[in-house]
Amino acid sequence: MSALKVVGVLIVAISGIVASYTLNAAARRSLEQTEGFIALIRRLRSDIECFAMPLPSALARCPAEVYVKCGYVAQDAPRSVLSFVEACAVSDAESCKAMRAFARSIGRGYREEQLAICDYYTDMLEERRQRLYEQLPNKTKRNSAMCLCGALAVVILLI
């Protein structure tokens, strides 16, 4: 086998490994984003329940780690939950859809209604987080196998 073929085989193999790593990182980011949304809603609920705090003030008090976990990409603190959700990089479309619905419904009623909304969406996102958590090992194995087998197939076809 010539040196050029060996280099080509190595490039294809490395490409399969990188693709596998990228897909697995995206699966982990989906879980992390959902966990971040849950933490944000719990934080907002706590501020609403304990301090009767308006949403813009509660969002401003939220720690930066929660914003990062949610995938928030803007530099300044959001003024509304909807602007926050719109500024988040989407890792898990279903969780982002639930957060958009949450953002449209929160802040429009009395305190007890807002707490009920927070509880409802927390439960919904907890169920989503549980599904993502349970699917993660199988998804990472499948991603790794598909990418590496695909790279191997390309190597076999080229040789």
N, C-alpha and C. Protein backbone atom coordinates (compact mmCIF):
# COMPACT_ATOMS: atom_id res chain seq x y z
N MET A 1 0.85 -1.17 0.00
CA MET A 1 0.00 0.00 0.00
C MET A 1 0.90 1.23 0.00
N SER A 2 0.59 2.16 -0.86
CA SER A 2 1.42 3.35 -0.96
C SER A 2 1.17 4.28 0.22
N ALA A 3 2.11 5.19 0.41
CA ALA A 3 2.01 6.14 1.52
C ALA A 3 0.80 7.05 1.34
N LEU A 4 0.46 7.36 0.10
CA LEU A 4 -0.69 8.23 -0.18
C LEU A 4 -2.00 7.56 0.25
N LYS A 5 -2.10 6.24 0.00
CA LYS A 5 -3.29 5.51 0.41
C LYS A 5 -3.39 5.45 1.94
N VAL A 6 -2.27 5.27 2.60
CA VAL A 6 -2.27 5.22 4.07
C VAL A 6 -2.73 6.56 4.63
N VAL A 7 -2.25 7.64 4.06
CA VAL A 7 -2.67 8.97 4.50
C VAL A 7 -4.17 9.16 4.27
N GLY A 8 -4.66 8.71 3.12
CA GLY A 8 -6.09 8.80 2.83
C GLY A 8 -6.93 8.00 3.81
N VAL A 9 -6.46 6.79 4.14
CA VAL A 9 -7.17 5.94 5.11
C VAL A 9 -7.20 6.62 6.48
N LEU A 10 -6.08 7.21 6.88
CA LEU A 10 -6.03 7.91 8.16
C LEU A 10 -6.97 9.12 8.18
N ILE A 11 -7.03 9.86 7.10
CA ILE A 11 -7.91 11.03 7.02
C ILE A 11 -9.38 10.60 7.13
N VAL A 12 -9.76 9.55 6.42
CA VAL A 12 -11.13 9.06 6.48
C VAL A 12 -11.46 8.54 7.88
N ALA A 13 -10.52 7.81 8.49
CA ALA A 13 -10.75 7.29 9.84
C ALA A 13 -10.89 8.42 10.85
N ILE A 14 -10.03 9.41 10.75
CA ILE A 14 -10.12 10.57 11.65
C ILE A 14 -11.42 11.32 11.43
N SER A 15 -11.86 11.42 10.19
CA SER A 15 -13.14 12.07 9.90
C SER A 15 -14.30 11.34 10.57
N GLY A 16 -14.27 10.02 10.55
CA GLY A 16 -15.31 9.23 11.23
C GLY A 16 -15.30 9.45 12.73
N ILE A 17 -14.11 9.52 13.31
CA ILE A 17 -14.00 9.77 14.75
C ILE A 17 -14.51 11.16 15.11
N VAL A 18 -14.14 12.16 14.31
CA VAL A 18 -14.58 13.53 14.57
C VAL A 18 -16.10 13.65 14.41
N ALA A 19 -16.65 13.01 13.40
CA ALA A 19 -18.11 13.04 13.22
C ALA A 19 -18.82 12.38 14.40
N SER A 20 -18.28 11.28 14.87
CA SER A 20 -18.85 10.60 16.03
C SER A 20 -18.80 11.50 17.26
N TYR A 21 -17.67 12.11 17.50
CA TYR A 21 -17.52 13.01 18.65
C TYR A 21 -18.50 14.19 18.55
N THR A 22 -18.66 14.75 17.36
CA THR A 22 -19.56 15.89 17.17
C THR A 22 -21.01 15.50 17.44
N LEU A 23 -21.45 14.37 16.93
CA LEU A 23 -22.82 13.92 17.16
C LEU A 23 -23.07 13.60 18.63
N ASN A 24 -22.10 12.99 19.28
CA ASN A 24 -22.25 12.65 20.69
C ASN A 24 -22.26 13.92 21.56
N ALA A 25 -21.46 14.90 21.21
CA ALA A 25 -21.45 16.17 21.94
C ALA A 25 -22.80 16.88 21.78
N ALA A 26 -23.39 16.80 20.60
CA ALA A 26 -24.70 17.42 20.38
C ALA A 26 -25.77 16.74 21.23
N ALA A 27 -25.69 15.43 21.36
CA ALA A 27 -26.66 14.69 22.20
C ALA A 27 -26.51 15.10 23.66
N ARG A 28 -25.28 15.26 24.11
CA ARG A 28 -25.05 15.70 25.50
C ARG A 28 -25.50 17.14 25.70
N ARG A 29 -25.32 18.00 24.70
CA ARG A 29 -25.77 19.39 24.80
C ARG A 29 -27.29 19.47 24.90
N SER A 30 -28.00 18.59 24.21
CA SER A 30 -29.46 18.57 24.31
C SER A 30 -29.91 18.30 25.74
N LEU A 31 -29.29 17.33 26.37
CA LEU A 31 -29.61 17.02 27.76
C LEU A 31 -29.25 18.19 28.67
N GLU A 32 -28.09 18.76 28.45
CA GLU A 32 -27.64 19.88 29.29
C GLU A 32 -28.55 21.09 29.13
N GLN A 33 -29.00 21.37 27.91
CA GLN A 33 -29.88 22.51 27.70
C GLN A 33 -31.21 22.30 28.41
N THR A 34 -31.75 21.11 28.34
CA THR A 34 -33.00 20.82 29.02
C THR A 34 -32.83 20.98 30.53
N GLU A 35 -31.72 20.52 31.07
CA GLU A 35 -31.45 20.71 32.49
C GLU A 35 -31.32 22.19 32.84
N GLY A 36 -30.73 22.98 31.94
CA GLY A 36 -30.63 24.42 32.16
C GLY A 36 -31.98 25.10 32.17
N PHE A 37 -32.86 24.69 31.26
CA PHE A 37 -34.22 25.26 31.24
C PHE A 37 -34.96 24.94 32.54
N ILE A 38 -34.79 23.72 33.03
CA ILE A 38 -35.43 23.34 34.29
C ILE A 38 -34.91 24.21 35.43
N ALA A 39 -33.60 24.41 35.47
CA ALA A 39 -33.01 25.24 36.52
C ALA A 39 -33.51 26.68 36.43
N LEU A 40 -33.66 27.18 35.21
CA LEU A 40 -34.16 28.55 35.03
C LEU A 40 -35.60 28.69 35.53
N ILE A 41 -36.45 27.75 35.15
CA ILE A 41 -37.85 27.82 35.58
C ILE A 41 -37.95 27.70 37.10
N ARG A 42 -37.16 26.81 37.68
CA ARG A 42 -37.19 26.68 39.15
C ARG A 42 -36.73 27.97 39.82
N ARG A 43 -35.72 28.59 39.24
CA ARG A 43 -35.22 29.85 39.79
C ARG A 43 -36.29 30.94 39.69
N LEU A 44 -36.94 31.03 38.52
CA LEU A 44 -38.00 32.02 38.34
C LEU A 44 -39.15 31.75 39.31
N ARG A 45 -39.50 30.49 39.46
CA ARG A 45 -40.59 30.13 40.38
C ARG A 45 -40.26 30.56 41.79
N SER A 46 -39.05 30.30 42.21
CA SER A 46 -38.62 30.67 43.56
C SER A 46 -38.69 32.19 43.76
N ASP A 47 -38.23 32.94 42.79
CA ASP A 47 -38.27 34.41 42.89
C ASP A 47 -39.70 34.94 42.88
N ILE A 48 -40.56 34.31 42.11
CA ILE A 48 -41.96 34.73 42.08
C ILE A 48 -42.64 34.39 43.40
N GLU A 49 -42.40 33.17 43.89
CA GLU A 49 -43.08 32.72 45.10
C GLU A 49 -42.57 33.43 46.36
N CYS A 50 -41.28 33.52 46.51
CA CYS A 50 -40.71 34.05 47.75
C CYS A 50 -40.67 35.58 47.80
N PHE A 51 -40.40 36.20 46.67
CA PHE A 51 -40.18 37.64 46.67
C PHE A 51 -41.20 38.43 45.85
N ALA A 52 -42.15 37.75 45.21
CA ALA A 52 -43.13 38.39 44.32
C ALA A 52 -42.40 39.29 43.32
N MET A 53 -41.30 38.78 42.81
CA MET A 53 -40.43 39.55 41.93
C MET A 53 -40.95 39.55 40.50
N PRO A 54 -40.92 40.68 39.82
CA PRO A 54 -41.31 40.70 38.40
C PRO A 54 -40.28 39.92 37.56
N LEU A 55 -40.73 39.42 36.44
CA LEU A 55 -39.87 38.57 35.60
C LEU A 55 -38.56 39.24 35.17
N PRO A 56 -38.58 40.50 34.71
CA PRO A 56 -37.29 41.10 34.30
C PRO A 56 -36.27 41.13 35.45
N SER A 57 -36.73 41.41 36.66
CA SER A 57 -35.81 41.43 37.82
C SER A 57 -35.33 40.02 38.14
N ALA A 58 -36.23 39.05 38.06
CA ALA A 58 -35.86 37.66 38.33
C ALA A 58 -34.86 37.16 37.29
N LEU A 59 -35.06 37.53 36.04
CA LEU A 59 -34.11 37.13 34.99
C LEU A 59 -32.75 37.77 35.22
N ALA A 60 -32.74 39.02 35.66
CA ALA A 60 -31.47 39.72 35.89
C ALA A 60 -30.69 39.09 37.03
N ARG A 61 -31.39 38.51 38.01
CA ARG A 61 -30.73 37.87 39.17
C ARG A 61 -30.23 36.47 38.87
N CYS A 62 -30.65 35.90 37.78
CA CYS A 62 -30.29 34.52 37.46
C CYS A 62 -28.78 34.40 37.22
N PRO A 63 -28.13 33.38 37.76
CA PRO A 63 -26.69 33.21 37.57
C PRO A 63 -26.32 32.95 36.11
N ALA A 64 -25.15 33.40 35.74
CA ALA A 64 -24.66 33.23 34.37
C ALA A 64 -24.51 31.76 33.99
N GLU A 65 -24.23 30.90 34.97
CA GLU A 65 -24.06 29.46 34.67
C GLU A 65 -25.35 28.86 34.11
N VAL A 66 -26.49 29.33 34.62
CA VAL A 66 -27.77 28.83 34.12
C VAL A 66 -27.96 29.29 32.68
N TYR A 67 -27.62 30.54 32.39
CA TYR A 67 -27.73 31.05 31.03
C TYR A 67 -26.86 30.23 30.07
N VAL A 68 -25.64 29.94 30.50
CA VAL A 68 -24.72 29.17 29.66
C VAL A 68 -25.26 27.77 29.42
N LYS A 69 -25.78 27.15 30.47
CA LYS A 69 -26.33 25.80 30.34
C LYS A 69 -27.52 25.76 29.39
N CYS A 70 -28.28 26.84 29.36
CA CYS A 70 -29.44 26.93 28.46
C CYS A 70 -29.04 27.21 27.01
N GLY A 71 -27.81 27.61 26.80
CA GLY A 71 -27.37 27.94 25.45
C GLY A 71 -27.60 29.39 25.08
N TYR A 72 -27.75 30.25 26.07
CA TYR A 72 -27.99 31.67 25.83
C TYR A 72 -26.73 32.29 25.25
N VAL A 73 -26.86 32.93 24.09
CA VAL A 73 -25.69 33.42 23.38
C VAL A 73 -25.53 34.93 23.42
N ALA A 74 -26.52 35.67 23.87
CA ALA A 74 -26.41 37.13 23.94
C ALA A 74 -25.52 37.53 25.12
N GLN A 75 -24.99 38.73 25.07
CA GLN A 75 -24.07 39.20 26.11
C GLN A 75 -24.78 39.76 27.33
N ASP A 76 -25.86 40.51 27.12
CA ASP A 76 -26.55 41.15 28.23
C ASP A 76 -27.67 40.28 28.77
N ALA A 77 -28.14 40.62 29.96
CA ALA A 77 -29.23 39.86 30.58
C ALA A 77 -30.51 40.11 29.78
N PRO A 78 -31.32 39.07 29.60
CA PRO A 78 -32.55 39.24 28.82
C PRO A 78 -33.58 40.07 29.57
N ARG A 79 -34.44 40.76 28.81
CA ARG A 79 -35.48 41.58 29.42
C ARG A 79 -36.78 40.79 29.60
N SER A 80 -36.96 39.73 28.82
CA SER A 80 -38.15 38.91 28.94
C SER A 80 -37.77 37.46 28.71
N VAL A 81 -38.66 36.58 29.14
CA VAL A 81 -38.39 35.14 28.95
C VAL A 81 -38.40 34.80 27.46
N LEU A 82 -39.29 35.44 26.70
CA LEU A 82 -39.35 35.16 25.27
C LEU A 82 -38.06 35.60 24.57
N SER A 83 -37.54 36.78 24.91
CA SER A 83 -36.28 37.22 24.30
C SER A 83 -35.14 36.30 24.72
N PHE A 84 -35.21 35.78 25.94
CA PHE A 84 -34.20 34.82 26.40
C PHE A 84 -34.23 33.56 25.55
N VAL A 85 -35.42 33.00 25.37
CA VAL A 85 -35.56 31.76 24.61
C VAL A 85 -35.14 31.97 23.16
N GLU A 86 -35.51 33.11 22.58
CA GLU A 86 -35.15 33.39 21.19
C GLU A 86 -33.64 33.54 21.02
N ALA A 87 -32.93 33.95 22.09
CA ALA A 87 -31.48 34.14 22.00
C ALA A 87 -30.70 32.89 22.36
N CYS A 88 -31.39 31.81 22.66
CA CYS A 88 -30.72 30.55 22.99
C CYS A 88 -30.43 29.75 21.71
N ALA A 89 -29.22 29.19 21.65
CA ALA A 89 -28.89 28.28 20.55
C ALA A 89 -29.68 26.99 20.78
N VAL A 90 -30.35 26.53 19.75
CA VAL A 90 -31.22 25.36 19.89
C VAL A 90 -30.39 24.08 19.83
N SER A 91 -30.39 23.35 20.95
CA SER A 91 -29.78 22.03 20.98
C SER A 91 -30.85 20.94 20.98
N ASP A 92 -31.95 21.22 21.65
CA ASP A 92 -33.06 20.27 21.70
C ASP A 92 -34.33 21.02 21.31
N ALA A 93 -34.82 20.73 20.13
CA ALA A 93 -35.97 21.46 19.58
C ALA A 93 -37.22 21.30 20.44
N GLU A 94 -37.45 20.11 20.98
CA GLU A 94 -38.65 19.89 21.79
C GLU A 94 -38.62 20.70 23.08
N SER A 95 -37.46 20.78 23.72
CA SER A 95 -37.34 21.58 24.94
C SER A 95 -37.49 23.07 24.62
N CYS A 96 -36.93 23.51 23.51
CA CYS A 96 -37.07 24.91 23.12
C CYS A 96 -38.52 25.25 22.80
N LYS A 97 -39.24 24.32 22.19
CA LYS A 97 -40.65 24.53 21.91
C LYS A 97 -41.43 24.69 23.21
N ALA A 98 -41.14 23.85 24.19
CA ALA A 98 -41.80 23.96 25.50
C ALA A 98 -41.45 25.28 26.17
N MET A 99 -40.21 25.72 26.04
CA MET A 99 -39.81 27.00 26.65
C MET A 99 -40.48 28.19 25.96
N ARG A 100 -40.69 28.10 24.66
CA ARG A 100 -41.40 29.17 23.97
C ARG A 100 -42.84 29.26 24.47
N ALA A 101 -43.47 28.11 24.66
CA ALA A 101 -44.83 28.09 25.21
C ALA A 101 -44.83 28.64 26.63
N PHE A 102 -43.85 28.28 27.41
CA PHE A 102 -43.71 28.82 28.77
C PHE A 102 -43.56 30.33 28.73
N ALA A 103 -42.71 30.81 27.84
CA ALA A 103 -42.45 32.25 27.74
C ALA A 103 -43.71 33.03 27.35
N ARG A 104 -44.54 32.43 26.50
CA ARG A 104 -45.78 33.10 26.09
C ARG A 104 -46.83 33.12 27.19
N SER A 105 -46.75 32.18 28.12
CA SER A 105 -47.80 32.09 29.13
C SER A 105 -47.42 32.70 30.48
N ILE A 106 -46.14 32.80 30.79
CA ILE A 106 -45.72 33.30 32.09
C ILE A 106 -45.82 34.83 32.14
N GLY A 107 -46.16 35.34 33.31
CA GLY A 107 -46.20 36.79 33.51
C GLY A 107 -47.51 37.44 33.14
N ARG A 108 -48.54 36.65 32.87
CA ARG A 108 -49.80 37.22 32.41
C ARG A 108 -50.94 37.07 33.42
N GLY A 109 -50.64 36.53 34.58
CA GLY A 109 -51.72 36.30 35.52
C GLY A 109 -51.29 36.61 36.94
N TYR A 110 -52.10 36.13 37.85
CA TYR A 110 -51.79 36.30 39.26
C TYR A 110 -50.67 35.35 39.67
N ARG A 111 -50.15 35.60 40.85
CA ARG A 111 -49.00 34.85 41.35
C ARG A 111 -49.27 33.34 41.36
N GLU A 112 -50.41 32.91 41.85
CA GLU A 112 -50.72 31.48 41.91
C GLU A 112 -50.78 30.86 40.52
N GLU A 113 -51.30 31.60 39.56
CA GLU A 113 -51.34 31.09 38.18
C GLU A 113 -49.93 30.95 37.62
N GLN A 114 -49.08 31.91 37.92
CA GLN A 114 -47.70 31.84 37.43
C GLN A 114 -46.95 30.66 38.07
N LEU A 115 -47.20 30.42 39.34
CA LEU A 115 -46.57 29.27 40.00
C LEU A 115 -47.04 27.96 39.39
N ALA A 116 -48.34 27.88 39.07
CA ALA A 116 -48.88 26.68 38.42
C ALA A 116 -48.26 26.49 37.04
N ILE A 117 -48.08 27.57 36.32
CA ILE A 117 -47.43 27.49 34.99
C ILE A 117 -46.00 26.99 35.14
N CYS A 118 -45.27 27.52 36.11
CA CYS A 118 -43.90 27.06 36.35
C CYS A 118 -43.87 25.57 36.69
N ASP A 119 -44.77 25.13 37.55
CA ASP A 119 -44.82 23.71 37.91
C ASP A 119 -45.13 22.83 36.71
N TYR A 120 -46.08 23.26 35.89
CA TYR A 120 -46.47 22.49 34.71
C TYR A 120 -45.29 22.31 33.76
N TYR A 121 -44.60 23.40 33.43
CA TYR A 121 -43.50 23.31 32.48
C TYR A 121 -42.27 22.64 33.09
N THR A 122 -42.09 22.76 34.40
CA THR A 122 -41.00 22.03 35.05
C THR A 122 -41.23 20.53 34.92
N ASP A 123 -42.46 20.11 35.19
CA ASP A 123 -42.79 18.68 35.06
C ASP A 123 -42.61 18.20 33.62
N MET A 124 -43.06 19.01 32.66
CA MET A 124 -42.93 18.65 31.26
C MET A 124 -41.46 18.50 30.87
N LEU A 125 -40.63 19.44 31.28
CA LEU A 125 -39.21 19.38 30.94
C LEU A 125 -38.49 18.29 31.71
N GLU A 126 -38.94 17.98 32.92
CA GLU A 126 -38.35 16.86 33.66
C GLU A 126 -38.58 15.54 32.92
N GLU A 127 -39.79 15.37 32.38
CA GLU A 127 -40.07 14.16 31.60
C GLU A 127 -39.18 14.11 30.36
N ARG A 128 -39.00 15.24 29.70
CA ARG A 128 -38.12 15.31 28.52
C ARG A 128 -36.68 15.00 28.92
N ARG A 129 -36.22 15.57 30.02
CA ARG A 129 -34.86 15.32 30.49
C ARG A 129 -34.66 13.84 30.78
N GLN A 130 -35.65 13.22 31.38
CA GLN A 130 -35.55 11.79 31.70
C GLN A 130 -35.43 10.95 30.41
N ARG A 131 -36.24 11.29 29.41
CA ARG A 131 -36.16 10.56 28.13
C ARG A 131 -34.79 10.75 27.49
N LEU A 132 -34.29 11.99 27.48
CA LEU A 132 -32.97 12.24 26.89
C LEU A 132 -31.88 11.49 27.64
N TYR A 133 -31.99 11.47 28.97
CA TYR A 133 -31.00 10.78 29.80
C TYR A 133 -31.00 9.28 29.51
N GLU A 134 -32.19 8.72 29.38
CA GLU A 134 -32.29 7.28 29.11
C GLU A 134 -31.82 6.93 27.70
N GLN A 135 -32.00 7.82 26.75
CA GLN A 135 -31.63 7.57 25.36
C GLN A 135 -30.15 7.84 25.09
N LEU A 136 -29.51 8.62 25.95
CA LEU A 136 -28.13 9.04 25.69
C LEU A 136 -27.14 7.90 25.47
N PRO A 137 -27.09 6.87 26.32
CA PRO A 137 -26.12 5.80 26.07
C PRO A 137 -26.32 5.10 24.73
N ASN A 138 -27.57 4.79 24.40
CA ASN A 138 -27.83 4.13 23.11
C ASN A 138 -27.52 5.06 21.94
N LYS A 139 -27.84 6.32 22.11
CA LYS A 139 -27.60 7.28 21.03
C LYS A 139 -26.10 7.44 20.79
N THR A 140 -25.31 7.52 21.84
CA THR A 140 -23.86 7.67 21.65
C THR A 140 -23.25 6.41 21.04
N LYS A 141 -23.73 5.25 21.46
CA LYS A 141 -23.23 4.00 20.85
C LYS A 141 -23.59 3.95 19.37
N ARG A 142 -24.85 4.32 19.06
CA ARG A 142 -25.29 4.28 17.66
C ARG A 142 -24.52 5.29 16.82
N ASN A 143 -24.34 6.50 17.34
CA ASN A 143 -23.59 7.52 16.59
C ASN A 143 -22.16 7.05 16.32
N SER A 144 -21.52 6.51 17.34
CA SER A 144 -20.15 6.05 17.18
C SER A 144 -20.07 4.91 16.17
N ALA A 145 -20.97 3.94 16.29
CA ALA A 145 -20.94 2.80 15.38
C ALA A 145 -21.21 3.23 13.93
N MET A 146 -22.21 4.10 13.75
CA MET A 146 -22.55 4.54 12.38
C MET A 146 -21.40 5.32 11.74
N CYS A 147 -20.80 6.22 12.48
CA CYS A 147 -19.72 7.03 11.92
C CYS A 147 -18.48 6.19 11.63
N LEU A 148 -18.12 5.35 12.56
CA LEU A 148 -16.92 4.53 12.35
C LEU A 148 -17.14 3.48 11.26
N CYS A 149 -18.32 2.88 11.22
CA CYS A 149 -18.62 1.91 10.15
C CYS A 149 -18.70 2.61 8.80
N GLY A 150 -19.24 3.80 8.78
CA GLY A 150 -19.28 4.56 7.53
C GLY A 150 -17.89 4.89 7.04
N ALA A 151 -17.01 5.29 7.95
CA ALA A 151 -15.63 5.58 7.57
C ALA A 151 -14.93 4.31 7.08
N LEU A 152 -15.18 3.19 7.76
CA LEU A 152 -14.59 1.93 7.34
C LEU A 152 -15.09 1.51 5.97
N ALA A 153 -16.37 1.72 5.70
CA ALA A 153 -16.94 1.39 4.39
C ALA A 153 -16.29 2.21 3.29
N VAL A 154 -16.06 3.48 3.56
CA VAL A 154 -15.41 4.34 2.56
C VAL A 154 -13.97 3.86 2.33
N VAL A 155 -13.27 3.48 3.39
CA VAL A 155 -11.91 2.97 3.24
C VAL A 155 -11.91 1.70 2.39
N ILE A 156 -12.84 0.79 2.65
CA ILE A 156 -12.91 -0.45 1.89
C ILE A 156 -13.21 -0.18 0.43
N LEU A 157 -14.11 0.77 0.18
CA LEU A 157 -14.44 1.09 -1.22
C LEU A 157 -13.28 1.74 -1.95
N LEU A 158 -12.48 2.51 -1.24
CA LEU A 158 -11.37 3.21 -1.88
C LEU A 158 -10.14 2.34 -2.09
N ILE A 159 -10.03 1.27 -1.32
CA ILE A 159 -8.84 0.43 -1.44
C ILE A 159 -9.04 -0.66 -2.44
